[in-house]
Amino acid sequence: MAVGNTAIVAIPSQDDYVWKISSEKVPHLTILNLGTQVSESDQAKIAAYLEHVVDVSVERFGLSVDRRGKLGPKDADVVFLHDEWHLPKLAEVRGYLLQNHSVLDGYHGSQQFPEWTPHLTLGFPDSPAKEDTREHPGIHWVHFDKLALWTGDYEGPTFDLKRPEDSFSMSDISMEQRAA
């Protein structure tokens, strides 16, 4: 992440093995790149909205690794993420976030790739990924437990995601009310 760049990211759990392999300061999945033109006032609005979305819509999640490969003009070494259950939910969260005017303005005001390609960067040619020394190397799954609004060099408000068992739905409330 460039200093001064604003982005909404998902951060893997501290015990996820990707932390031992990635050469990034903080391994992450970029959900939305908002660029360098987001004002401090808008960053505060985005942080409040992101906190709200996390509170009502996002639980901890995992994504399977489809494959490892190169991405972008800098030939980033990445794992491409895929999951038939959680990835559509994450795309839905992206849609919720883009309903906020400050998020949408940042998104439209910054250069974007033609389409969102969910991935996690392991390294670059000048800072390669660390060797996976396990007996059966390879990343097959990445667990995420935080969303963050980065407003600088891997810094900004971070929000812990709820465990699925800590969440309840409106149908749970209705069942509780019926039992009372």
N, C-alpha and C. Protein backbone atom coordinates (compact mmCIF):
# COMPACT_ATOMS: atom_id res chain seq x y z
N MET A 1 0.84 -1.18 0.00
CA MET A 1 0.00 0.00 0.00
C MET A 1 0.89 1.24 0.00
N ALA A 2 0.55 2.15 -0.84
CA ALA A 2 1.30 3.41 -0.88
C ALA A 2 0.94 4.27 0.32
N VAL A 3 1.91 5.03 0.81
CA VAL A 3 1.64 5.95 1.91
C VAL A 3 0.61 6.96 1.42
N GLY A 4 -0.42 7.21 2.24
CA GLY A 4 -1.46 8.15 1.86
C GLY A 4 -2.58 7.53 1.04
N ASN A 5 -2.42 6.27 0.65
CA ASN A 5 -3.47 5.60 -0.10
C ASN A 5 -4.54 5.11 0.87
N THR A 6 -5.80 5.25 0.50
CA THR A 6 -6.90 4.78 1.32
C THR A 6 -7.45 3.50 0.69
N ALA A 7 -7.63 2.48 1.51
CA ALA A 7 -8.15 1.21 1.02
C ALA A 7 -8.91 0.50 2.13
N ILE A 8 -9.89 -0.28 1.73
CA ILE A 8 -10.60 -1.16 2.65
C ILE A 8 -10.08 -2.56 2.38
N VAL A 9 -9.58 -3.22 3.43
CA VAL A 9 -8.93 -4.51 3.28
C VAL A 9 -9.45 -5.52 4.29
N ALA A 10 -9.30 -6.79 3.95
CA ALA A 10 -9.54 -7.89 4.88
C ALA A 10 -8.17 -8.42 5.30
N ILE A 11 -8.00 -8.66 6.59
CA ILE A 11 -6.71 -9.09 7.13
C ILE A 11 -6.85 -10.52 7.65
N PRO A 12 -5.90 -11.39 7.27
CA PRO A 12 -5.95 -12.77 7.75
C PRO A 12 -5.74 -12.86 9.26
N SER A 13 -6.27 -13.92 9.83
CA SER A 13 -6.06 -14.22 11.25
C SER A 13 -4.57 -14.31 11.52
N GLN A 14 -4.14 -13.86 12.70
CA GLN A 14 -2.72 -13.88 13.06
C GLN A 14 -2.10 -15.28 12.99
N ASP A 15 -2.91 -16.31 13.21
CA ASP A 15 -2.37 -17.67 13.18
C ASP A 15 -2.44 -18.32 11.80
N ASP A 16 -2.90 -17.58 10.80
CA ASP A 16 -2.94 -18.12 9.43
C ASP A 16 -1.51 -18.20 8.89
N TYR A 17 -1.19 -19.30 8.24
CA TYR A 17 0.18 -19.54 7.77
C TYR A 17 0.65 -18.51 6.74
N VAL A 18 -0.27 -17.82 6.10
CA VAL A 18 0.11 -16.84 5.09
C VAL A 18 1.02 -15.76 5.67
N TRP A 19 0.90 -15.46 6.97
CA TRP A 19 1.77 -14.48 7.63
C TRP A 19 3.23 -14.91 7.57
N LYS A 20 3.49 -16.22 7.56
CA LYS A 20 4.87 -16.72 7.54
C LYS A 20 5.46 -16.73 6.13
N ILE A 21 4.62 -16.62 5.12
CA ILE A 21 5.09 -16.71 3.74
C ILE A 21 5.14 -15.34 3.07
N SER A 22 4.14 -14.52 3.27
CA SER A 22 4.05 -13.24 2.58
C SER A 22 5.17 -12.30 3.01
N SER A 23 5.73 -11.59 2.05
CA SER A 23 6.74 -10.58 2.37
C SER A 23 6.09 -9.22 2.65
N GLU A 24 4.77 -9.14 2.51
CA GLU A 24 4.06 -7.90 2.82
C GLU A 24 4.12 -7.64 4.32
N LYS A 25 4.17 -6.37 4.70
CA LYS A 25 4.17 -6.01 6.13
C LYS A 25 2.92 -6.57 6.80
N VAL A 26 1.78 -6.45 6.14
CA VAL A 26 0.52 -7.01 6.61
C VAL A 26 -0.15 -7.67 5.40
N PRO A 27 -0.19 -9.01 5.37
CA PRO A 27 -0.89 -9.66 4.26
C PRO A 27 -2.35 -9.21 4.27
N HIS A 28 -2.94 -9.06 3.09
CA HIS A 28 -4.31 -8.55 3.05
C HIS A 28 -4.97 -8.85 1.70
N LEU A 29 -6.27 -8.81 1.72
CA LEU A 29 -7.11 -8.87 0.53
C LEU A 29 -7.70 -7.48 0.37
N THR A 30 -7.38 -6.80 -0.71
CA THR A 30 -7.95 -5.48 -0.94
C THR A 30 -9.39 -5.65 -1.40
N ILE A 31 -10.31 -5.09 -0.64
CA ILE A 31 -11.72 -5.14 -1.00
C ILE A 31 -12.06 -3.95 -1.89
N LEU A 32 -11.57 -2.76 -1.51
CA LEU A 32 -11.78 -1.56 -2.32
C LEU A 32 -10.57 -0.65 -2.21
N ASN A 33 -10.03 -0.24 -3.33
CA ASN A 33 -8.97 0.77 -3.37
C ASN A 33 -9.65 2.12 -3.58
N LEU A 34 -9.39 3.05 -2.67
CA LEU A 34 -10.05 4.35 -2.75
C LEU A 34 -9.09 5.47 -3.12
N GLY A 35 -7.84 5.16 -3.31
CA GLY A 35 -6.89 6.13 -3.82
C GLY A 35 -6.33 7.09 -2.79
N THR A 36 -5.69 8.14 -3.30
CA THR A 36 -4.97 9.09 -2.45
C THR A 36 -5.71 10.40 -2.25
N GLN A 37 -6.87 10.55 -2.84
CA GLN A 37 -7.57 11.83 -2.79
C GLN A 37 -8.68 11.90 -1.75
N VAL A 38 -8.78 10.90 -0.87
CA VAL A 38 -9.84 10.87 0.15
C VAL A 38 -9.44 11.80 1.31
N SER A 39 -10.29 12.76 1.61
CA SER A 39 -10.00 13.71 2.70
C SER A 39 -10.10 13.03 4.06
N GLU A 40 -9.50 13.65 5.07
CA GLU A 40 -9.59 13.12 6.43
C GLU A 40 -11.04 13.06 6.89
N SER A 41 -11.83 14.05 6.51
CA SER A 41 -13.24 14.08 6.86
C SER A 41 -13.97 12.88 6.26
N ASP A 42 -13.69 12.61 4.98
CA ASP A 42 -14.33 11.46 4.33
C ASP A 42 -13.80 10.15 4.89
N GLN A 43 -12.51 10.10 5.26
CA GLN A 43 -11.98 8.89 5.88
C GLN A 43 -12.72 8.58 7.18
N ALA A 44 -13.03 9.61 7.96
CA ALA A 44 -13.78 9.41 9.21
C ALA A 44 -15.18 8.88 8.91
N LYS A 45 -15.83 9.43 7.88
CA LYS A 45 -17.16 8.95 7.49
C LYS A 45 -17.10 7.50 7.02
N ILE A 46 -16.08 7.18 6.25
CA ILE A 46 -15.92 5.81 5.74
C ILE A 46 -15.67 4.86 6.91
N ALA A 47 -14.83 5.26 7.86
CA ALA A 47 -14.55 4.41 9.02
C ALA A 47 -15.83 4.11 9.80
N ALA A 48 -16.66 5.12 10.01
CA ALA A 48 -17.91 4.92 10.74
C ALA A 48 -18.84 3.99 9.96
N TYR A 49 -18.91 4.17 8.66
CA TYR A 49 -19.77 3.32 7.84
C TYR A 49 -19.23 1.89 7.80
N LEU A 50 -17.91 1.73 7.68
CA LEU A 50 -17.31 0.40 7.67
C LEU A 50 -17.59 -0.31 9.00
N GLU A 51 -17.47 0.41 10.10
CA GLU A 51 -17.77 -0.17 11.41
C GLU A 51 -19.22 -0.65 11.46
N HIS A 52 -20.13 0.14 10.93
CA HIS A 52 -21.55 -0.24 10.88
C HIS A 52 -21.74 -1.50 10.04
N VAL A 53 -21.14 -1.54 8.87
CA VAL A 53 -21.28 -2.70 7.98
C VAL A 53 -20.72 -3.95 8.67
N VAL A 54 -19.58 -3.82 9.34
CA VAL A 54 -19.00 -4.95 10.06
C VAL A 54 -19.95 -5.41 11.16
N ASP A 55 -20.54 -4.47 11.88
CA ASP A 55 -21.44 -4.83 12.98
C ASP A 55 -22.68 -5.59 12.51
N VAL A 56 -23.19 -5.25 11.33
CA VAL A 56 -24.45 -5.86 10.90
C VAL A 56 -24.33 -6.88 9.78
N SER A 57 -23.20 -6.94 9.08
CA SER A 57 -23.17 -7.76 7.87
C SER A 57 -22.01 -8.73 7.71
N VAL A 58 -20.95 -8.60 8.49
CA VAL A 58 -19.75 -9.37 8.17
C VAL A 58 -19.32 -10.22 9.36
N GLU A 59 -19.13 -11.51 9.10
CA GLU A 59 -18.58 -12.43 10.08
C GLU A 59 -17.20 -12.86 9.60
N ARG A 60 -16.44 -13.48 10.49
CA ARG A 60 -15.16 -14.06 10.07
C ARG A 60 -15.43 -15.01 8.90
N PHE A 61 -14.47 -15.07 8.00
CA PHE A 61 -14.69 -15.91 6.83
C PHE A 61 -13.37 -16.48 6.33
N GLY A 62 -13.48 -17.48 5.52
CA GLY A 62 -12.31 -18.07 4.88
C GLY A 62 -12.55 -18.19 3.40
N LEU A 63 -11.47 -18.11 2.65
CA LEU A 63 -11.55 -18.27 1.20
C LEU A 63 -10.54 -19.32 0.76
N SER A 64 -10.95 -20.17 -0.15
CA SER A 64 -10.03 -21.17 -0.66
C SER A 64 -9.12 -20.53 -1.71
N VAL A 65 -7.96 -21.12 -1.86
CA VAL A 65 -7.01 -20.65 -2.85
C VAL A 65 -7.25 -21.44 -4.13
N ASP A 66 -7.53 -20.71 -5.20
CA ASP A 66 -7.75 -21.34 -6.50
C ASP A 66 -6.41 -21.74 -7.11
N ARG A 67 -5.46 -20.81 -7.07
CA ARG A 67 -4.14 -21.08 -7.65
C ARG A 67 -3.18 -19.97 -7.24
N ARG A 68 -1.92 -20.21 -7.46
CA ARG A 68 -0.89 -19.21 -7.23
C ARG A 68 -0.40 -18.75 -8.60
N GLY A 69 -0.15 -17.45 -8.74
CA GLY A 69 0.31 -16.95 -10.03
C GLY A 69 0.80 -15.51 -9.94
N LYS A 70 0.97 -14.91 -11.08
CA LYS A 70 1.44 -13.51 -11.19
C LYS A 70 0.25 -12.62 -11.51
N LEU A 71 0.32 -11.37 -11.01
CA LEU A 71 -0.77 -10.43 -11.26
C LEU A 71 -0.21 -9.02 -11.39
N GLY A 72 -0.72 -8.29 -12.34
CA GLY A 72 -0.42 -6.88 -12.50
C GLY A 72 0.89 -6.58 -13.18
N PRO A 73 1.12 -5.29 -13.44
CA PRO A 73 2.32 -4.87 -14.16
C PRO A 73 3.62 -5.09 -13.37
N LYS A 74 3.51 -5.24 -12.05
CA LYS A 74 4.71 -5.48 -11.23
C LYS A 74 4.96 -6.96 -11.00
N ASP A 75 4.18 -7.83 -11.69
CA ASP A 75 4.32 -9.29 -11.55
C ASP A 75 4.27 -9.74 -10.09
N ALA A 76 3.27 -9.26 -9.37
CA ALA A 76 3.09 -9.68 -7.98
C ALA A 76 2.87 -11.18 -7.92
N ASP A 77 3.48 -11.84 -6.95
CA ASP A 77 3.28 -13.26 -6.68
C ASP A 77 2.08 -13.33 -5.75
N VAL A 78 0.96 -13.85 -6.24
CA VAL A 78 -0.28 -13.83 -5.47
C VAL A 78 -0.92 -15.20 -5.41
N VAL A 79 -1.83 -15.35 -4.45
CA VAL A 79 -2.76 -16.47 -4.47
C VAL A 79 -4.12 -15.89 -4.85
N PHE A 80 -4.72 -16.48 -5.86
CA PHE A 80 -6.05 -16.07 -6.30
C PHE A 80 -7.06 -16.79 -5.43
N LEU A 81 -7.98 -16.03 -4.86
CA LEU A 81 -8.93 -16.57 -3.89
C LEU A 81 -10.27 -16.87 -4.54
N HIS A 82 -10.86 -17.96 -4.08
CA HIS A 82 -12.15 -18.38 -4.63
C HIS A 82 -12.92 -19.12 -3.55
N ASP A 83 -14.20 -18.97 -3.57
CA ASP A 83 -15.04 -19.72 -2.64
C ASP A 83 -16.48 -19.49 -3.07
N GLU A 84 -17.22 -20.54 -3.24
CA GLU A 84 -18.59 -20.41 -3.75
C GLU A 84 -19.56 -19.87 -2.70
N TRP A 85 -19.20 -19.87 -1.43
CA TRP A 85 -20.10 -19.39 -0.40
C TRP A 85 -19.69 -17.99 0.09
N HIS A 86 -18.46 -17.85 0.56
CA HIS A 86 -18.03 -16.60 1.17
C HIS A 86 -17.70 -15.49 0.17
N LEU A 87 -17.17 -15.84 -0.99
CA LEU A 87 -16.80 -14.80 -1.94
C LEU A 87 -18.02 -14.02 -2.45
N PRO A 88 -19.13 -14.65 -2.77
CA PRO A 88 -20.32 -13.86 -3.13
C PRO A 88 -20.80 -12.98 -1.98
N LYS A 89 -20.67 -13.45 -0.74
CA LYS A 89 -21.05 -12.62 0.41
C LYS A 89 -20.11 -11.42 0.51
N LEU A 90 -18.82 -11.64 0.26
CA LEU A 90 -17.86 -10.54 0.30
C LEU A 90 -18.14 -9.54 -0.82
N ALA A 91 -18.51 -10.03 -1.98
CA ALA A 91 -18.88 -9.14 -3.09
C ALA A 91 -20.12 -8.32 -2.71
N GLU A 92 -21.03 -8.93 -1.97
CA GLU A 92 -22.22 -8.22 -1.48
C GLU A 92 -21.81 -7.12 -0.50
N VAL A 93 -20.87 -7.41 0.39
CA VAL A 93 -20.37 -6.41 1.33
C VAL A 93 -19.72 -5.26 0.56
N ARG A 94 -18.97 -5.60 -0.49
CA ARG A 94 -18.37 -4.57 -1.35
C ARG A 94 -19.46 -3.65 -1.90
N GLY A 95 -20.56 -4.26 -2.33
CA GLY A 95 -21.69 -3.49 -2.84
C GLY A 95 -22.28 -2.58 -1.78
N TYR A 96 -22.42 -3.09 -0.54
CA TYR A 96 -22.92 -2.25 0.55
C TYR A 96 -22.01 -1.05 0.75
N LEU A 97 -20.70 -1.31 0.77
CA LEU A 97 -19.74 -0.23 0.99
C LEU A 97 -19.82 0.83 -0.10
N LEU A 98 -20.02 0.39 -1.33
CA LEU A 98 -20.10 1.33 -2.45
C LEU A 98 -21.38 2.17 -2.44
N GLN A 99 -22.31 1.86 -1.56
CA GLN A 99 -23.51 2.68 -1.42
C GLN A 99 -23.24 3.95 -0.63
N ASN A 100 -22.11 4.00 0.07
CA ASN A 100 -21.73 5.18 0.83
C ASN A 100 -21.08 6.17 -0.13
N HIS A 101 -21.52 7.42 -0.09
CA HIS A 101 -21.03 8.43 -1.05
C HIS A 101 -19.53 8.66 -0.94
N SER A 102 -18.99 8.68 0.25
CA SER A 102 -17.55 8.90 0.42
C SER A 102 -16.75 7.74 -0.16
N VAL A 103 -17.22 6.51 0.05
CA VAL A 103 -16.57 5.33 -0.52
C VAL A 103 -16.65 5.39 -2.04
N LEU A 104 -17.84 5.65 -2.54
CA LEU A 104 -18.05 5.68 -3.99
C LEU A 104 -17.21 6.76 -4.66
N ASP A 105 -17.13 7.94 -4.05
CA ASP A 105 -16.31 9.03 -4.61
C ASP A 105 -14.84 8.62 -4.66
N GLY A 106 -14.33 8.02 -3.60
CA GLY A 106 -12.95 7.56 -3.59
C GLY A 106 -12.70 6.49 -4.63
N TYR A 107 -13.63 5.56 -4.74
CA TYR A 107 -13.51 4.46 -5.70
C TYR A 107 -13.46 5.02 -7.13
N HIS A 108 -14.39 5.92 -7.46
CA HIS A 108 -14.42 6.49 -8.81
C HIS A 108 -13.28 7.46 -9.07
N GLY A 109 -12.70 8.01 -8.00
CA GLY A 109 -11.62 8.98 -8.16
C GLY A 109 -10.24 8.36 -8.22
N SER A 110 -10.15 7.03 -8.16
CA SER A 110 -8.84 6.37 -8.20
C SER A 110 -8.81 5.35 -9.33
N GLN A 111 -7.60 5.09 -9.79
CA GLN A 111 -7.43 4.13 -10.88
C GLN A 111 -7.77 2.73 -10.37
N GLN A 112 -8.54 2.01 -11.14
CA GLN A 112 -8.98 0.66 -10.78
C GLN A 112 -8.57 -0.32 -11.87
N PHE A 113 -8.38 -1.57 -11.47
CA PHE A 113 -8.23 -2.63 -12.47
C PHE A 113 -9.59 -2.82 -13.12
N PRO A 114 -9.64 -3.38 -14.34
CA PRO A 114 -10.93 -3.52 -15.04
C PRO A 114 -11.99 -4.28 -14.24
N GLU A 115 -11.56 -5.26 -13.45
CA GLU A 115 -12.51 -5.97 -12.59
C GLU A 115 -11.81 -6.37 -11.31
N TRP A 116 -12.60 -6.57 -10.26
CA TRP A 116 -12.07 -6.97 -8.98
C TRP A 116 -11.61 -8.42 -9.06
N THR A 117 -10.36 -8.66 -8.74
CA THR A 117 -9.78 -10.00 -8.75
C THR A 117 -9.33 -10.30 -7.32
N PRO A 118 -10.15 -11.01 -6.55
CA PRO A 118 -9.78 -11.29 -5.16
C PRO A 118 -8.47 -12.08 -5.08
N HIS A 119 -7.49 -11.50 -4.41
CA HIS A 119 -6.18 -12.13 -4.28
C HIS A 119 -5.47 -11.63 -3.03
N LEU A 120 -4.46 -12.36 -2.65
CA LEU A 120 -3.61 -11.96 -1.54
C LEU A 120 -2.18 -12.02 -2.06
N THR A 121 -1.46 -10.91 -1.90
CA THR A 121 -0.09 -10.83 -2.41
C THR A 121 0.88 -11.50 -1.45
N LEU A 122 1.71 -12.37 -2.02
CA LEU A 122 2.74 -13.04 -1.23
C LEU A 122 4.08 -12.34 -1.37
N GLY A 123 4.32 -11.68 -2.52
CA GLY A 123 5.59 -11.01 -2.73
C GLY A 123 5.68 -10.38 -4.10
N PHE A 124 6.80 -9.74 -4.34
CA PHE A 124 7.12 -9.11 -5.63
C PHE A 124 8.52 -9.56 -6.02
N PRO A 125 8.90 -9.37 -7.29
CA PRO A 125 10.26 -9.78 -7.69
C PRO A 125 11.36 -9.19 -6.81
N ASP A 126 11.21 -7.93 -6.35
CA ASP A 126 12.24 -7.31 -5.52
C ASP A 126 12.09 -7.61 -4.03
N SER A 127 10.98 -8.22 -3.63
CA SER A 127 10.77 -8.65 -2.24
C SER A 127 9.95 -9.94 -2.28
N PRO A 128 10.60 -11.04 -2.66
CA PRO A 128 9.86 -12.29 -2.88
C PRO A 128 9.27 -12.89 -1.60
N ALA A 129 8.27 -13.73 -1.82
CA ALA A 129 7.65 -14.45 -0.71
C ALA A 129 8.70 -15.33 -0.05
N LYS A 130 8.48 -15.59 1.23
CA LYS A 130 9.38 -16.48 1.97
C LYS A 130 9.08 -17.92 1.58
N GLU A 131 10.06 -18.76 1.74
CA GLU A 131 9.91 -20.17 1.38
C GLU A 131 8.95 -20.87 2.35
N ASP A 132 8.10 -21.71 1.81
CA ASP A 132 7.21 -22.54 2.62
C ASP A 132 7.95 -23.84 2.91
N THR A 133 8.41 -23.98 4.14
CA THR A 133 9.28 -25.11 4.49
C THR A 133 8.51 -26.30 5.10
N ARG A 134 7.21 -26.24 5.07
CA ARG A 134 6.43 -27.35 5.63
C ARG A 134 6.60 -28.61 4.77
N GLU A 135 6.29 -29.75 5.35
CA GLU A 135 6.40 -31.02 4.63
C GLU A 135 5.50 -31.04 3.39
N HIS A 136 4.32 -30.46 3.51
CA HIS A 136 3.39 -30.38 2.39
C HIS A 136 3.10 -28.91 2.13
N PRO A 137 3.99 -28.22 1.39
CA PRO A 137 3.85 -26.77 1.20
C PRO A 137 2.65 -26.40 0.34
N GLY A 138 2.29 -25.14 0.44
CA GLY A 138 1.19 -24.61 -0.36
C GLY A 138 0.08 -24.09 0.52
N ILE A 139 -0.48 -22.99 0.10
CA ILE A 139 -1.60 -22.39 0.83
C ILE A 139 -2.88 -22.82 0.12
N HIS A 140 -3.80 -23.37 0.87
CA HIS A 140 -5.05 -23.86 0.29
C HIS A 140 -6.26 -23.08 0.77
N TRP A 141 -6.10 -22.36 1.86
CA TRP A 141 -7.22 -21.67 2.50
C TRP A 141 -6.67 -20.50 3.29
N VAL A 142 -7.37 -19.37 3.31
CA VAL A 142 -6.95 -18.22 4.12
C VAL A 142 -8.15 -17.80 4.97
N HIS A 143 -7.91 -17.68 6.28
CA HIS A 143 -8.94 -17.25 7.24
C HIS A 143 -8.78 -15.76 7.51
N PHE A 144 -9.87 -15.02 7.44
CA PHE A 144 -9.86 -13.57 7.69
C PHE A 144 -10.70 -13.27 8.93
N ASP A 145 -10.16 -12.41 9.81
CA ASP A 145 -10.91 -12.07 11.02
C ASP A 145 -10.98 -10.57 11.31
N LYS A 146 -10.51 -9.75 10.36
CA LYS A 146 -10.56 -8.29 10.54
C LYS A 146 -10.80 -7.61 9.20
N LEU A 147 -11.49 -6.48 9.26
CA LEU A 147 -11.54 -5.55 8.14
C LEU A 147 -10.90 -4.27 8.63
N ALA A 148 -10.22 -3.57 7.73
CA ALA A 148 -9.55 -2.33 8.11
C ALA A 148 -9.74 -1.27 7.04
N LEU A 149 -9.71 -0.04 7.48
CA LEU A 149 -9.66 1.10 6.57
C LEU A 149 -8.24 1.65 6.69
N TRP A 150 -7.42 1.35 5.71
CA TRP A 150 -6.06 1.84 5.74
C TRP A 150 -6.03 3.24 5.15
N THR A 151 -5.48 4.15 5.91
CA THR A 151 -5.39 5.55 5.49
C THR A 151 -3.93 5.96 5.32
N GLY A 152 -3.05 5.01 5.44
CA GLY A 152 -1.62 5.27 5.30
C GLY A 152 -0.90 3.96 5.08
N ASP A 153 0.30 3.87 5.54
CA ASP A 153 1.16 2.71 5.34
C ASP A 153 0.72 1.56 6.26
N TYR A 154 -0.25 0.78 5.81
CA TYR A 154 -0.78 -0.35 6.56
C TYR A 154 -1.36 0.08 7.91
N GLU A 155 -1.90 1.29 7.97
CA GLU A 155 -2.41 1.84 9.22
C GLU A 155 -3.82 2.38 9.03
N GLY A 156 -4.58 2.32 10.09
CA GLY A 156 -5.92 2.89 10.10
C GLY A 156 -6.82 2.07 10.99
N PRO A 157 -8.06 2.50 11.11
CA PRO A 157 -9.01 1.80 11.98
C PRO A 157 -9.21 0.35 11.53
N THR A 158 -9.18 -0.55 12.51
CA THR A 158 -9.34 -1.98 12.25
C THR A 158 -10.52 -2.49 13.06
N PHE A 159 -11.32 -3.34 12.42
CA PHE A 159 -12.54 -3.84 13.06
C PHE A 159 -12.51 -5.36 13.09
N ASP A 160 -12.63 -5.92 14.30
CA ASP A 160 -12.69 -7.37 14.45
C ASP A 160 -14.02 -7.88 13.94
N LEU A 161 -13.95 -8.97 13.19
CA LEU A 161 -15.17 -9.60 12.70
C LEU A 161 -15.68 -10.59 13.74
N LYS A 162 -16.99 -10.69 13.84
CA LYS A 162 -17.61 -11.60 14.79
C LYS A 162 -17.40 -13.04 14.34
N ARG A 163 -17.35 -13.92 15.33
CA ARG A 163 -17.38 -15.35 15.03
C ARG A 163 -18.80 -15.67 14.59
N PRO A 164 -18.97 -16.59 13.64
CA PRO A 164 -20.35 -16.92 13.21
C PRO A 164 -21.27 -17.30 14.36
N GLU A 165 -20.74 -18.00 15.37
CA GLU A 165 -21.60 -18.41 16.49
C GLU A 165 -21.97 -17.26 17.40
N ASP A 166 -21.28 -16.10 17.27
CA ASP A 166 -21.61 -14.93 18.07
C ASP A 166 -22.71 -14.09 17.42
N SER A 167 -23.04 -14.40 16.19
CA SER A 167 -24.04 -13.64 15.46
C SER A 167 -25.39 -14.31 15.58
N PHE A 168 -26.42 -13.53 15.40
CA PHE A 168 -27.76 -14.11 15.34
C PHE A 168 -28.54 -13.34 14.30
N SER A 169 -29.55 -13.99 13.78
CA SER A 169 -30.34 -13.37 12.73
C SER A 169 -31.69 -12.95 13.27
N MET A 170 -32.43 -12.24 12.45
CA MET A 170 -33.78 -11.83 12.85
C MET A 170 -34.65 -13.06 13.10
N SER A 171 -34.41 -14.16 12.36
CA SER A 171 -35.20 -15.36 12.59
C SER A 171 -34.90 -15.92 13.98
N ASP A 172 -33.66 -15.76 14.47
CA ASP A 172 -33.33 -16.21 15.82
C ASP A 172 -34.12 -15.40 16.85
N ILE A 173 -34.24 -14.10 16.63
CA ILE A 173 -34.99 -13.24 17.55
C ILE A 173 -36.46 -13.67 17.54
N SER A 174 -36.98 -13.91 16.36
CA SER A 174 -38.39 -14.32 16.26
C SER A 174 -38.61 -15.63 17.01
N MET A 175 -37.67 -16.57 16.89
CA MET A 175 -37.82 -17.85 17.60
C MET A 175 -37.75 -17.64 19.10
N GLU A 176 -36.85 -16.75 19.55
CA GLU A 176 -36.74 -16.47 20.99
C GLU A 176 -38.04 -15.84 21.50
N GLN A 177 -38.62 -14.92 20.70
CA GLN A 177 -39.86 -14.27 21.13
C GLN A 177 -41.00 -15.27 21.19
N ARG A 178 -41.01 -16.23 20.24
CA ARG A 178 -42.07 -17.24 20.24
C ARG A 178 -41.95 -18.14 21.46
N ALA A 179 -40.71 -18.40 21.89
CA ALA A 179 -40.50 -19.29 23.04
C ALA A 179 -40.87 -18.62 24.36
N ALA A 180 -40.87 -17.29 24.38
CA ALA A 180 -41.13 -16.57 25.63
C ALA A 180 -42.59 -16.57 26.00
